[in-house]
Amino acid sequence: MVYAIYMVKVKLMLEKLKEGATTPGTIKSQIVGLLRDNPDEIFSKKEILEKLPDIKENTLAGMLWYLSKDGLIDKTRIGRLMYYGSKEAIQQIRNYTEAQADAKASKGAAKV
């Protein structure tokens, strides 16, 4: 009986991990929580460090790479900086920058 209850708990934990759930209080959960709580914002690494001062820069860099590789967050480069955010926020930025580039291209083509 105890074994069956234990196996059900293990199965539920594995399902949560597959869904991208994080353990409360971990660095991963702090970063994912920040980005999920601000779904329409993007952050540079420096901005994340300001909001989560307990995390060291090298730890943050590695965790951001890991989270983006696993598809839990997204990233985009703007100029020389890399920005991180929810997939929706990054997609909005990409759409905006593409629209700006298209407008510039059509404006340049009109001059010719």
N, C-alpha and C. Protein backbone atom coordinates (compact mmCIF):
# COMPACT_ATOMS: atom_id res chain seq x y z
N MET A 1 0.83 -1.19 0.00
CA MET A 1 0.00 0.00 0.00
C MET A 1 0.87 1.26 0.00
N VAL A 2 1.86 1.30 0.89
CA VAL A 2 2.75 2.46 0.96
C VAL A 2 3.53 2.60 -0.34
N TYR A 3 3.94 1.47 -0.90
CA TYR A 3 4.68 1.48 -2.16
C TYR A 3 3.82 2.07 -3.29
N ALA A 4 2.55 1.73 -3.33
CA ALA A 4 1.65 2.23 -4.37
C ALA A 4 1.48 3.74 -4.26
N ILE A 5 1.33 4.24 -3.05
CA ILE A 5 1.21 5.69 -2.83
C ILE A 5 2.50 6.39 -3.27
N TYR A 6 3.63 5.80 -2.91
CA TYR A 6 4.93 6.37 -3.28
C TYR A 6 5.06 6.44 -4.81
N MET A 7 4.67 5.38 -5.50
CA MET A 7 4.78 5.35 -6.95
C MET A 7 3.87 6.38 -7.62
N VAL A 8 2.70 6.60 -7.05
CA VAL A 8 1.80 7.63 -7.58
C VAL A 8 2.44 9.01 -7.42
N LYS A 9 3.06 9.27 -6.27
CA LYS A 9 3.72 10.55 -6.05
C LYS A 9 4.88 10.75 -7.02
N VAL A 10 5.65 9.71 -7.24
CA VAL A 10 6.77 9.78 -8.18
C VAL A 10 6.26 10.06 -9.59
N LYS A 11 5.19 9.39 -9.98
CA LYS A 11 4.61 9.58 -11.30
C LYS A 11 4.13 11.03 -11.48
N LEU A 12 3.49 11.59 -10.46
CA LEU A 12 3.02 12.98 -10.53
C LEU A 12 4.19 13.95 -10.63
N MET A 13 5.26 13.70 -9.88
CA MET A 13 6.45 14.56 -9.95
C MET A 13 7.06 14.52 -11.34
N LEU A 14 7.16 13.34 -11.93
CA LEU A 14 7.73 13.22 -13.27
C LEU A 14 6.88 13.94 -14.30
N GLU A 15 5.57 13.88 -14.16
CA GLU A 15 4.69 14.60 -15.09
C GLU A 15 4.88 16.10 -14.98
N LYS A 16 5.05 16.60 -13.76
CA LYS A 16 5.27 18.04 -13.57
C LYS A 16 6.59 18.46 -14.18
N LEU A 17 7.63 17.63 -14.04
CA LEU A 17 8.93 17.95 -14.62
C LEU A 17 8.84 18.01 -16.14
N LYS A 18 8.07 17.12 -16.74
CA LYS A 18 7.90 17.13 -18.19
C LYS A 18 7.20 18.40 -18.65
N GLU A 19 6.33 18.96 -17.82
CA GLU A 19 5.59 20.17 -18.17
C GLU A 19 6.42 21.43 -17.94
N GLY A 20 7.66 21.28 -17.43
CA GLY A 20 8.51 22.43 -17.19
C GLY A 20 8.33 23.04 -15.82
N ALA A 21 7.70 22.32 -14.90
CA ALA A 21 7.52 22.82 -13.54
C ALA A 21 8.88 22.93 -12.86
N THR A 22 9.00 23.86 -11.97
CA THR A 22 10.26 24.05 -11.26
C THR A 22 10.04 23.88 -9.77
N THR A 23 11.12 23.56 -9.09
CA THR A 23 11.07 23.41 -7.64
C THR A 23 11.11 24.78 -7.01
N PRO A 24 10.17 25.11 -6.11
CA PRO A 24 10.15 26.43 -5.48
C PRO A 24 11.46 26.70 -4.74
N GLY A 25 11.94 27.94 -4.86
CA GLY A 25 13.13 28.35 -4.14
C GLY A 25 14.44 28.12 -4.89
N THR A 26 14.40 27.47 -6.03
CA THR A 26 15.63 27.23 -6.79
C THR A 26 15.91 28.42 -7.69
N ILE A 27 17.13 28.49 -8.16
CA ILE A 27 17.51 29.57 -9.08
C ILE A 27 16.66 29.49 -10.34
N LYS A 28 16.46 28.28 -10.82
CA LYS A 28 15.63 28.08 -12.01
C LYS A 28 14.23 28.64 -11.79
N SER A 29 13.65 28.34 -10.64
CA SER A 29 12.28 28.82 -10.39
C SER A 29 12.23 30.33 -10.23
N GLN A 30 13.29 30.93 -9.67
CA GLN A 30 13.32 32.39 -9.53
C GLN A 30 13.34 33.07 -10.90
N ILE A 31 14.17 32.54 -11.79
CA ILE A 31 14.29 33.14 -13.13
C ILE A 31 13.00 32.94 -13.92
N VAL A 32 12.52 31.71 -13.95
CA VAL A 32 11.29 31.42 -14.69
C VAL A 32 10.13 32.22 -14.09
N GLY A 33 10.08 32.33 -12.78
CA GLY A 33 9.03 33.10 -12.11
C GLY A 33 9.06 34.56 -12.51
N LEU A 34 10.26 35.15 -12.55
CA LEU A 34 10.40 36.55 -12.95
C LEU A 34 9.87 36.76 -14.37
N LEU A 35 10.24 35.87 -15.27
CA LEU A 35 9.83 36.04 -16.66
C LEU A 35 8.34 35.73 -16.86
N ARG A 36 7.82 34.78 -16.11
CA ARG A 36 6.38 34.47 -16.22
C ARG A 36 5.52 35.55 -15.57
N ASP A 37 6.03 36.18 -14.50
CA ASP A 37 5.28 37.25 -13.84
C ASP A 37 5.25 38.52 -14.68
N ASN A 38 6.17 38.62 -15.63
CA ASN A 38 6.25 39.79 -16.52
C ASN A 38 6.19 39.31 -17.96
N PRO A 39 5.06 38.75 -18.39
CA PRO A 39 5.01 38.09 -19.70
C PRO A 39 5.16 39.02 -20.89
N ASP A 40 4.99 40.32 -20.69
CA ASP A 40 5.10 41.25 -21.80
C ASP A 40 6.38 42.07 -21.76
N GLU A 41 7.34 41.65 -20.92
CA GLU A 41 8.61 42.37 -20.81
C GLU A 41 9.77 41.46 -21.18
N ILE A 42 10.87 42.08 -21.61
CA ILE A 42 12.10 41.35 -21.83
C ILE A 42 13.17 41.97 -20.94
N PHE A 43 14.19 41.17 -20.61
CA PHE A 43 15.22 41.61 -19.68
C PHE A 43 16.59 41.25 -20.20
N SER A 44 17.54 42.16 -20.00
CA SER A 44 18.94 41.83 -20.26
C SER A 44 19.45 41.07 -19.04
N LYS A 45 20.62 40.49 -19.17
CA LYS A 45 21.20 39.76 -18.05
C LYS A 45 21.42 40.70 -16.87
N LYS A 46 21.85 41.92 -17.15
CA LYS A 46 22.08 42.90 -16.09
C LYS A 46 20.78 43.23 -15.35
N GLU A 47 19.69 43.38 -16.08
CA GLU A 47 18.39 43.69 -15.46
C GLU A 47 17.91 42.53 -14.59
N ILE A 48 18.15 41.30 -15.04
CA ILE A 48 17.76 40.15 -14.24
C ILE A 48 18.58 40.11 -12.96
N LEU A 49 19.88 40.41 -13.06
CA LEU A 49 20.74 40.43 -11.87
C LEU A 49 20.28 41.49 -10.88
N GLU A 50 19.79 42.62 -11.37
CA GLU A 50 19.29 43.67 -10.48
C GLU A 50 18.02 43.21 -9.76
N LYS A 51 17.18 42.46 -10.45
CA LYS A 51 15.93 41.99 -9.85
C LYS A 51 16.13 40.76 -8.96
N LEU A 52 17.16 39.98 -9.24
CA LEU A 52 17.47 38.77 -8.46
C LEU A 52 18.92 38.85 -7.97
N PRO A 53 19.19 39.71 -7.00
CA PRO A 53 20.58 39.96 -6.59
C PRO A 53 21.28 38.78 -5.91
N ASP A 54 20.55 37.76 -5.49
CA ASP A 54 21.17 36.61 -4.83
C ASP A 54 21.90 35.70 -5.81
N ILE A 55 21.65 35.87 -7.10
CA ILE A 55 22.23 34.99 -8.11
C ILE A 55 23.52 35.60 -8.63
N LYS A 56 24.57 34.78 -8.73
CA LYS A 56 25.84 35.25 -9.29
C LYS A 56 25.74 35.29 -10.82
N GLU A 57 26.54 36.17 -11.42
CA GLU A 57 26.46 36.39 -12.86
C GLU A 57 26.74 35.12 -13.66
N ASN A 58 27.77 34.37 -13.29
CA ASN A 58 28.09 33.15 -14.03
C ASN A 58 26.99 32.11 -13.90
N THR A 59 26.41 32.02 -12.71
CA THR A 59 25.31 31.08 -12.49
C THR A 59 24.12 31.47 -13.35
N LEU A 60 23.83 32.76 -13.39
CA LEU A 60 22.71 33.26 -14.20
C LEU A 60 22.94 32.96 -15.68
N ALA A 61 24.14 33.22 -16.16
CA ALA A 61 24.44 32.99 -17.57
C ALA A 61 24.22 31.53 -17.94
N GLY A 62 24.70 30.63 -17.11
CA GLY A 62 24.52 29.21 -17.38
C GLY A 62 23.07 28.79 -17.31
N MET A 63 22.34 29.31 -16.35
CA MET A 63 20.94 28.95 -16.19
C MET A 63 20.10 29.51 -17.33
N LEU A 64 20.39 30.72 -17.79
CA LEU A 64 19.66 31.29 -18.92
C LEU A 64 19.88 30.44 -20.18
N TRP A 65 21.12 30.00 -20.38
CA TRP A 65 21.42 29.14 -21.52
C TRP A 65 20.61 27.84 -21.42
N TYR A 66 20.63 27.25 -20.24
CA TYR A 66 19.92 25.98 -20.00
C TYR A 66 18.42 26.15 -20.20
N LEU A 67 17.84 27.20 -19.66
CA LEU A 67 16.40 27.43 -19.78
C LEU A 67 15.98 27.68 -21.22
N SER A 68 16.79 28.43 -21.96
CA SER A 68 16.44 28.69 -23.36
C SER A 68 16.62 27.44 -24.20
N LYS A 69 17.63 26.64 -23.89
CA LYS A 69 17.86 25.38 -24.61
C LYS A 69 16.69 24.42 -24.39
N ASP A 70 16.15 24.40 -23.18
CA ASP A 70 15.01 23.53 -22.86
C ASP A 70 13.68 24.10 -23.32
N GLY A 71 13.68 25.32 -23.83
CA GLY A 71 12.45 25.91 -24.35
C GLY A 71 11.54 26.51 -23.30
N LEU A 72 12.04 26.70 -22.08
CA LEU A 72 11.21 27.30 -21.03
C LEU A 72 11.14 28.81 -21.15
N ILE A 73 12.18 29.41 -21.74
CA ILE A 73 12.21 30.85 -22.00
C ILE A 73 12.73 31.04 -23.42
N ASP A 74 12.69 32.26 -23.90
CA ASP A 74 13.21 32.55 -25.23
C ASP A 74 14.19 33.71 -25.11
N LYS A 75 14.97 33.93 -26.16
CA LYS A 75 15.95 35.01 -26.15
C LYS A 75 16.07 35.60 -27.54
N THR A 76 16.54 36.84 -27.59
CA THR A 76 16.80 37.51 -28.85
C THR A 76 17.91 38.52 -28.65
N ARG A 77 18.66 38.77 -29.70
CA ARG A 77 19.74 39.75 -29.65
C ARG A 77 19.24 41.06 -30.24
N ILE A 78 19.47 42.13 -29.48
CA ILE A 78 19.16 43.47 -29.96
C ILE A 78 20.44 44.27 -29.81
N GLY A 79 21.02 44.64 -30.93
CA GLY A 79 22.32 45.31 -30.88
C GLY A 79 23.37 44.33 -30.37
N ARG A 80 24.07 44.75 -29.33
CA ARG A 80 25.11 43.89 -28.75
C ARG A 80 24.62 43.08 -27.56
N LEU A 81 23.39 43.33 -27.11
CA LEU A 81 22.90 42.67 -25.91
C LEU A 81 21.91 41.55 -26.24
N MET A 82 21.93 40.53 -25.40
CA MET A 82 20.97 39.44 -25.49
C MET A 82 19.87 39.73 -24.48
N TYR A 83 18.63 39.57 -24.90
CA TYR A 83 17.47 39.80 -24.04
C TYR A 83 16.71 38.49 -23.87
N TYR A 84 16.16 38.31 -22.68
CA TYR A 84 15.45 37.09 -22.33
C TYR A 84 14.03 37.44 -21.90
N GLY A 85 13.11 36.53 -22.15
CA GLY A 85 11.73 36.76 -21.72
C GLY A 85 10.87 35.56 -22.06
N SER A 86 9.58 35.74 -21.86
CA SER A 86 8.64 34.69 -22.22
C SER A 86 8.64 34.57 -23.74
N LYS A 87 8.18 33.45 -24.23
CA LYS A 87 8.14 33.25 -25.68
C LYS A 87 7.27 34.31 -26.35
N GLU A 88 6.18 34.71 -25.68
CA GLU A 88 5.28 35.71 -26.24
C GLU A 88 5.96 37.07 -26.34
N ALA A 89 6.68 37.46 -25.30
CA ALA A 89 7.34 38.77 -25.30
C ALA A 89 8.42 38.83 -26.37
N ILE A 90 9.20 37.76 -26.49
CA ILE A 90 10.26 37.74 -27.50
C ILE A 90 9.65 37.75 -28.91
N GLN A 91 8.56 37.05 -29.11
CA GLN A 91 7.91 37.03 -30.42
C GLN A 91 7.38 38.43 -30.77
N GLN A 92 6.84 39.15 -29.79
CA GLN A 92 6.39 40.52 -30.04
C GLN A 92 7.54 41.40 -30.48
N ILE A 93 8.69 41.26 -29.83
CA ILE A 93 9.87 42.05 -30.20
C ILE A 93 10.34 41.69 -31.60
N ARG A 94 10.37 40.41 -31.91
CA ARG A 94 10.79 39.98 -33.25
C ARG A 94 9.84 40.53 -34.31
N ASN A 95 8.54 40.47 -34.05
CA ASN A 95 7.57 41.00 -35.01
C ASN A 95 7.78 42.50 -35.21
N TYR A 96 8.02 43.22 -34.13
CA TYR A 96 8.22 44.67 -34.20
C TYR A 96 9.48 45.00 -35.00
N THR A 97 10.59 44.31 -34.71
CA THR A 97 11.84 44.61 -35.41
C THR A 97 11.75 44.23 -36.89
N GLU A 98 11.04 43.14 -37.21
CA GLU A 98 10.84 42.77 -38.61
C GLU A 98 9.99 43.82 -39.33
N ALA A 99 8.97 44.33 -38.66
CA ALA A 99 8.13 45.37 -39.26
C ALA A 99 8.94 46.64 -39.50
N GLN A 100 9.81 46.98 -38.56
CA GLN A 100 10.66 48.16 -38.73
C GLN A 100 11.62 47.97 -39.90
N ALA A 101 12.19 46.78 -40.02
CA ALA A 101 13.12 46.49 -41.12
C ALA A 101 12.39 46.53 -42.45
N ASP A 102 11.17 45.98 -42.50
CA ASP A 102 10.38 46.01 -43.73
C ASP A 102 10.02 47.44 -44.13
N ALA A 103 9.67 48.25 -43.14
CA ALA A 103 9.33 49.65 -43.42
C ALA A 103 10.54 50.40 -43.96
N LYS A 104 11.71 50.13 -43.38
CA LYS A 104 12.93 50.77 -43.86
C LYS A 104 13.25 50.34 -45.28
N ALA A 105 13.09 49.05 -45.56
CA ALA A 105 13.38 48.51 -46.88
C ALA A 105 12.43 49.10 -47.92
N SER A 106 11.16 49.19 -47.59
CA SER A 106 10.19 49.73 -48.56
C SER A 106 10.41 51.22 -48.76
N LYS A 107 10.85 51.90 -47.72
CA LYS A 107 11.14 53.34 -47.83
C LYS A 107 12.35 53.56 -48.72
N GLY A 108 13.36 52.69 -48.57
CA GLY A 108 14.55 52.79 -49.42
C GLY A 108 14.24 52.44 -50.87
N ALA A 109 13.35 51.48 -51.09
CA ALA A 109 12.99 51.07 -52.44
C ALA A 109 12.17 52.17 -53.13
N ALA A 110 11.42 52.92 -52.36
CA ALA A 110 10.60 53.99 -52.93
C ALA A 110 11.46 55.13 -53.44
N LYS A 111 12.64 55.34 -52.83
CA LYS A 111 13.53 56.42 -53.25
C LYS A 111 14.19 56.12 -54.58
N VAL A 112 14.35 54.85 -54.92
CA VAL A 112 15.05 54.46 -56.14
C VAL A 112 14.25 54.68 -57.36
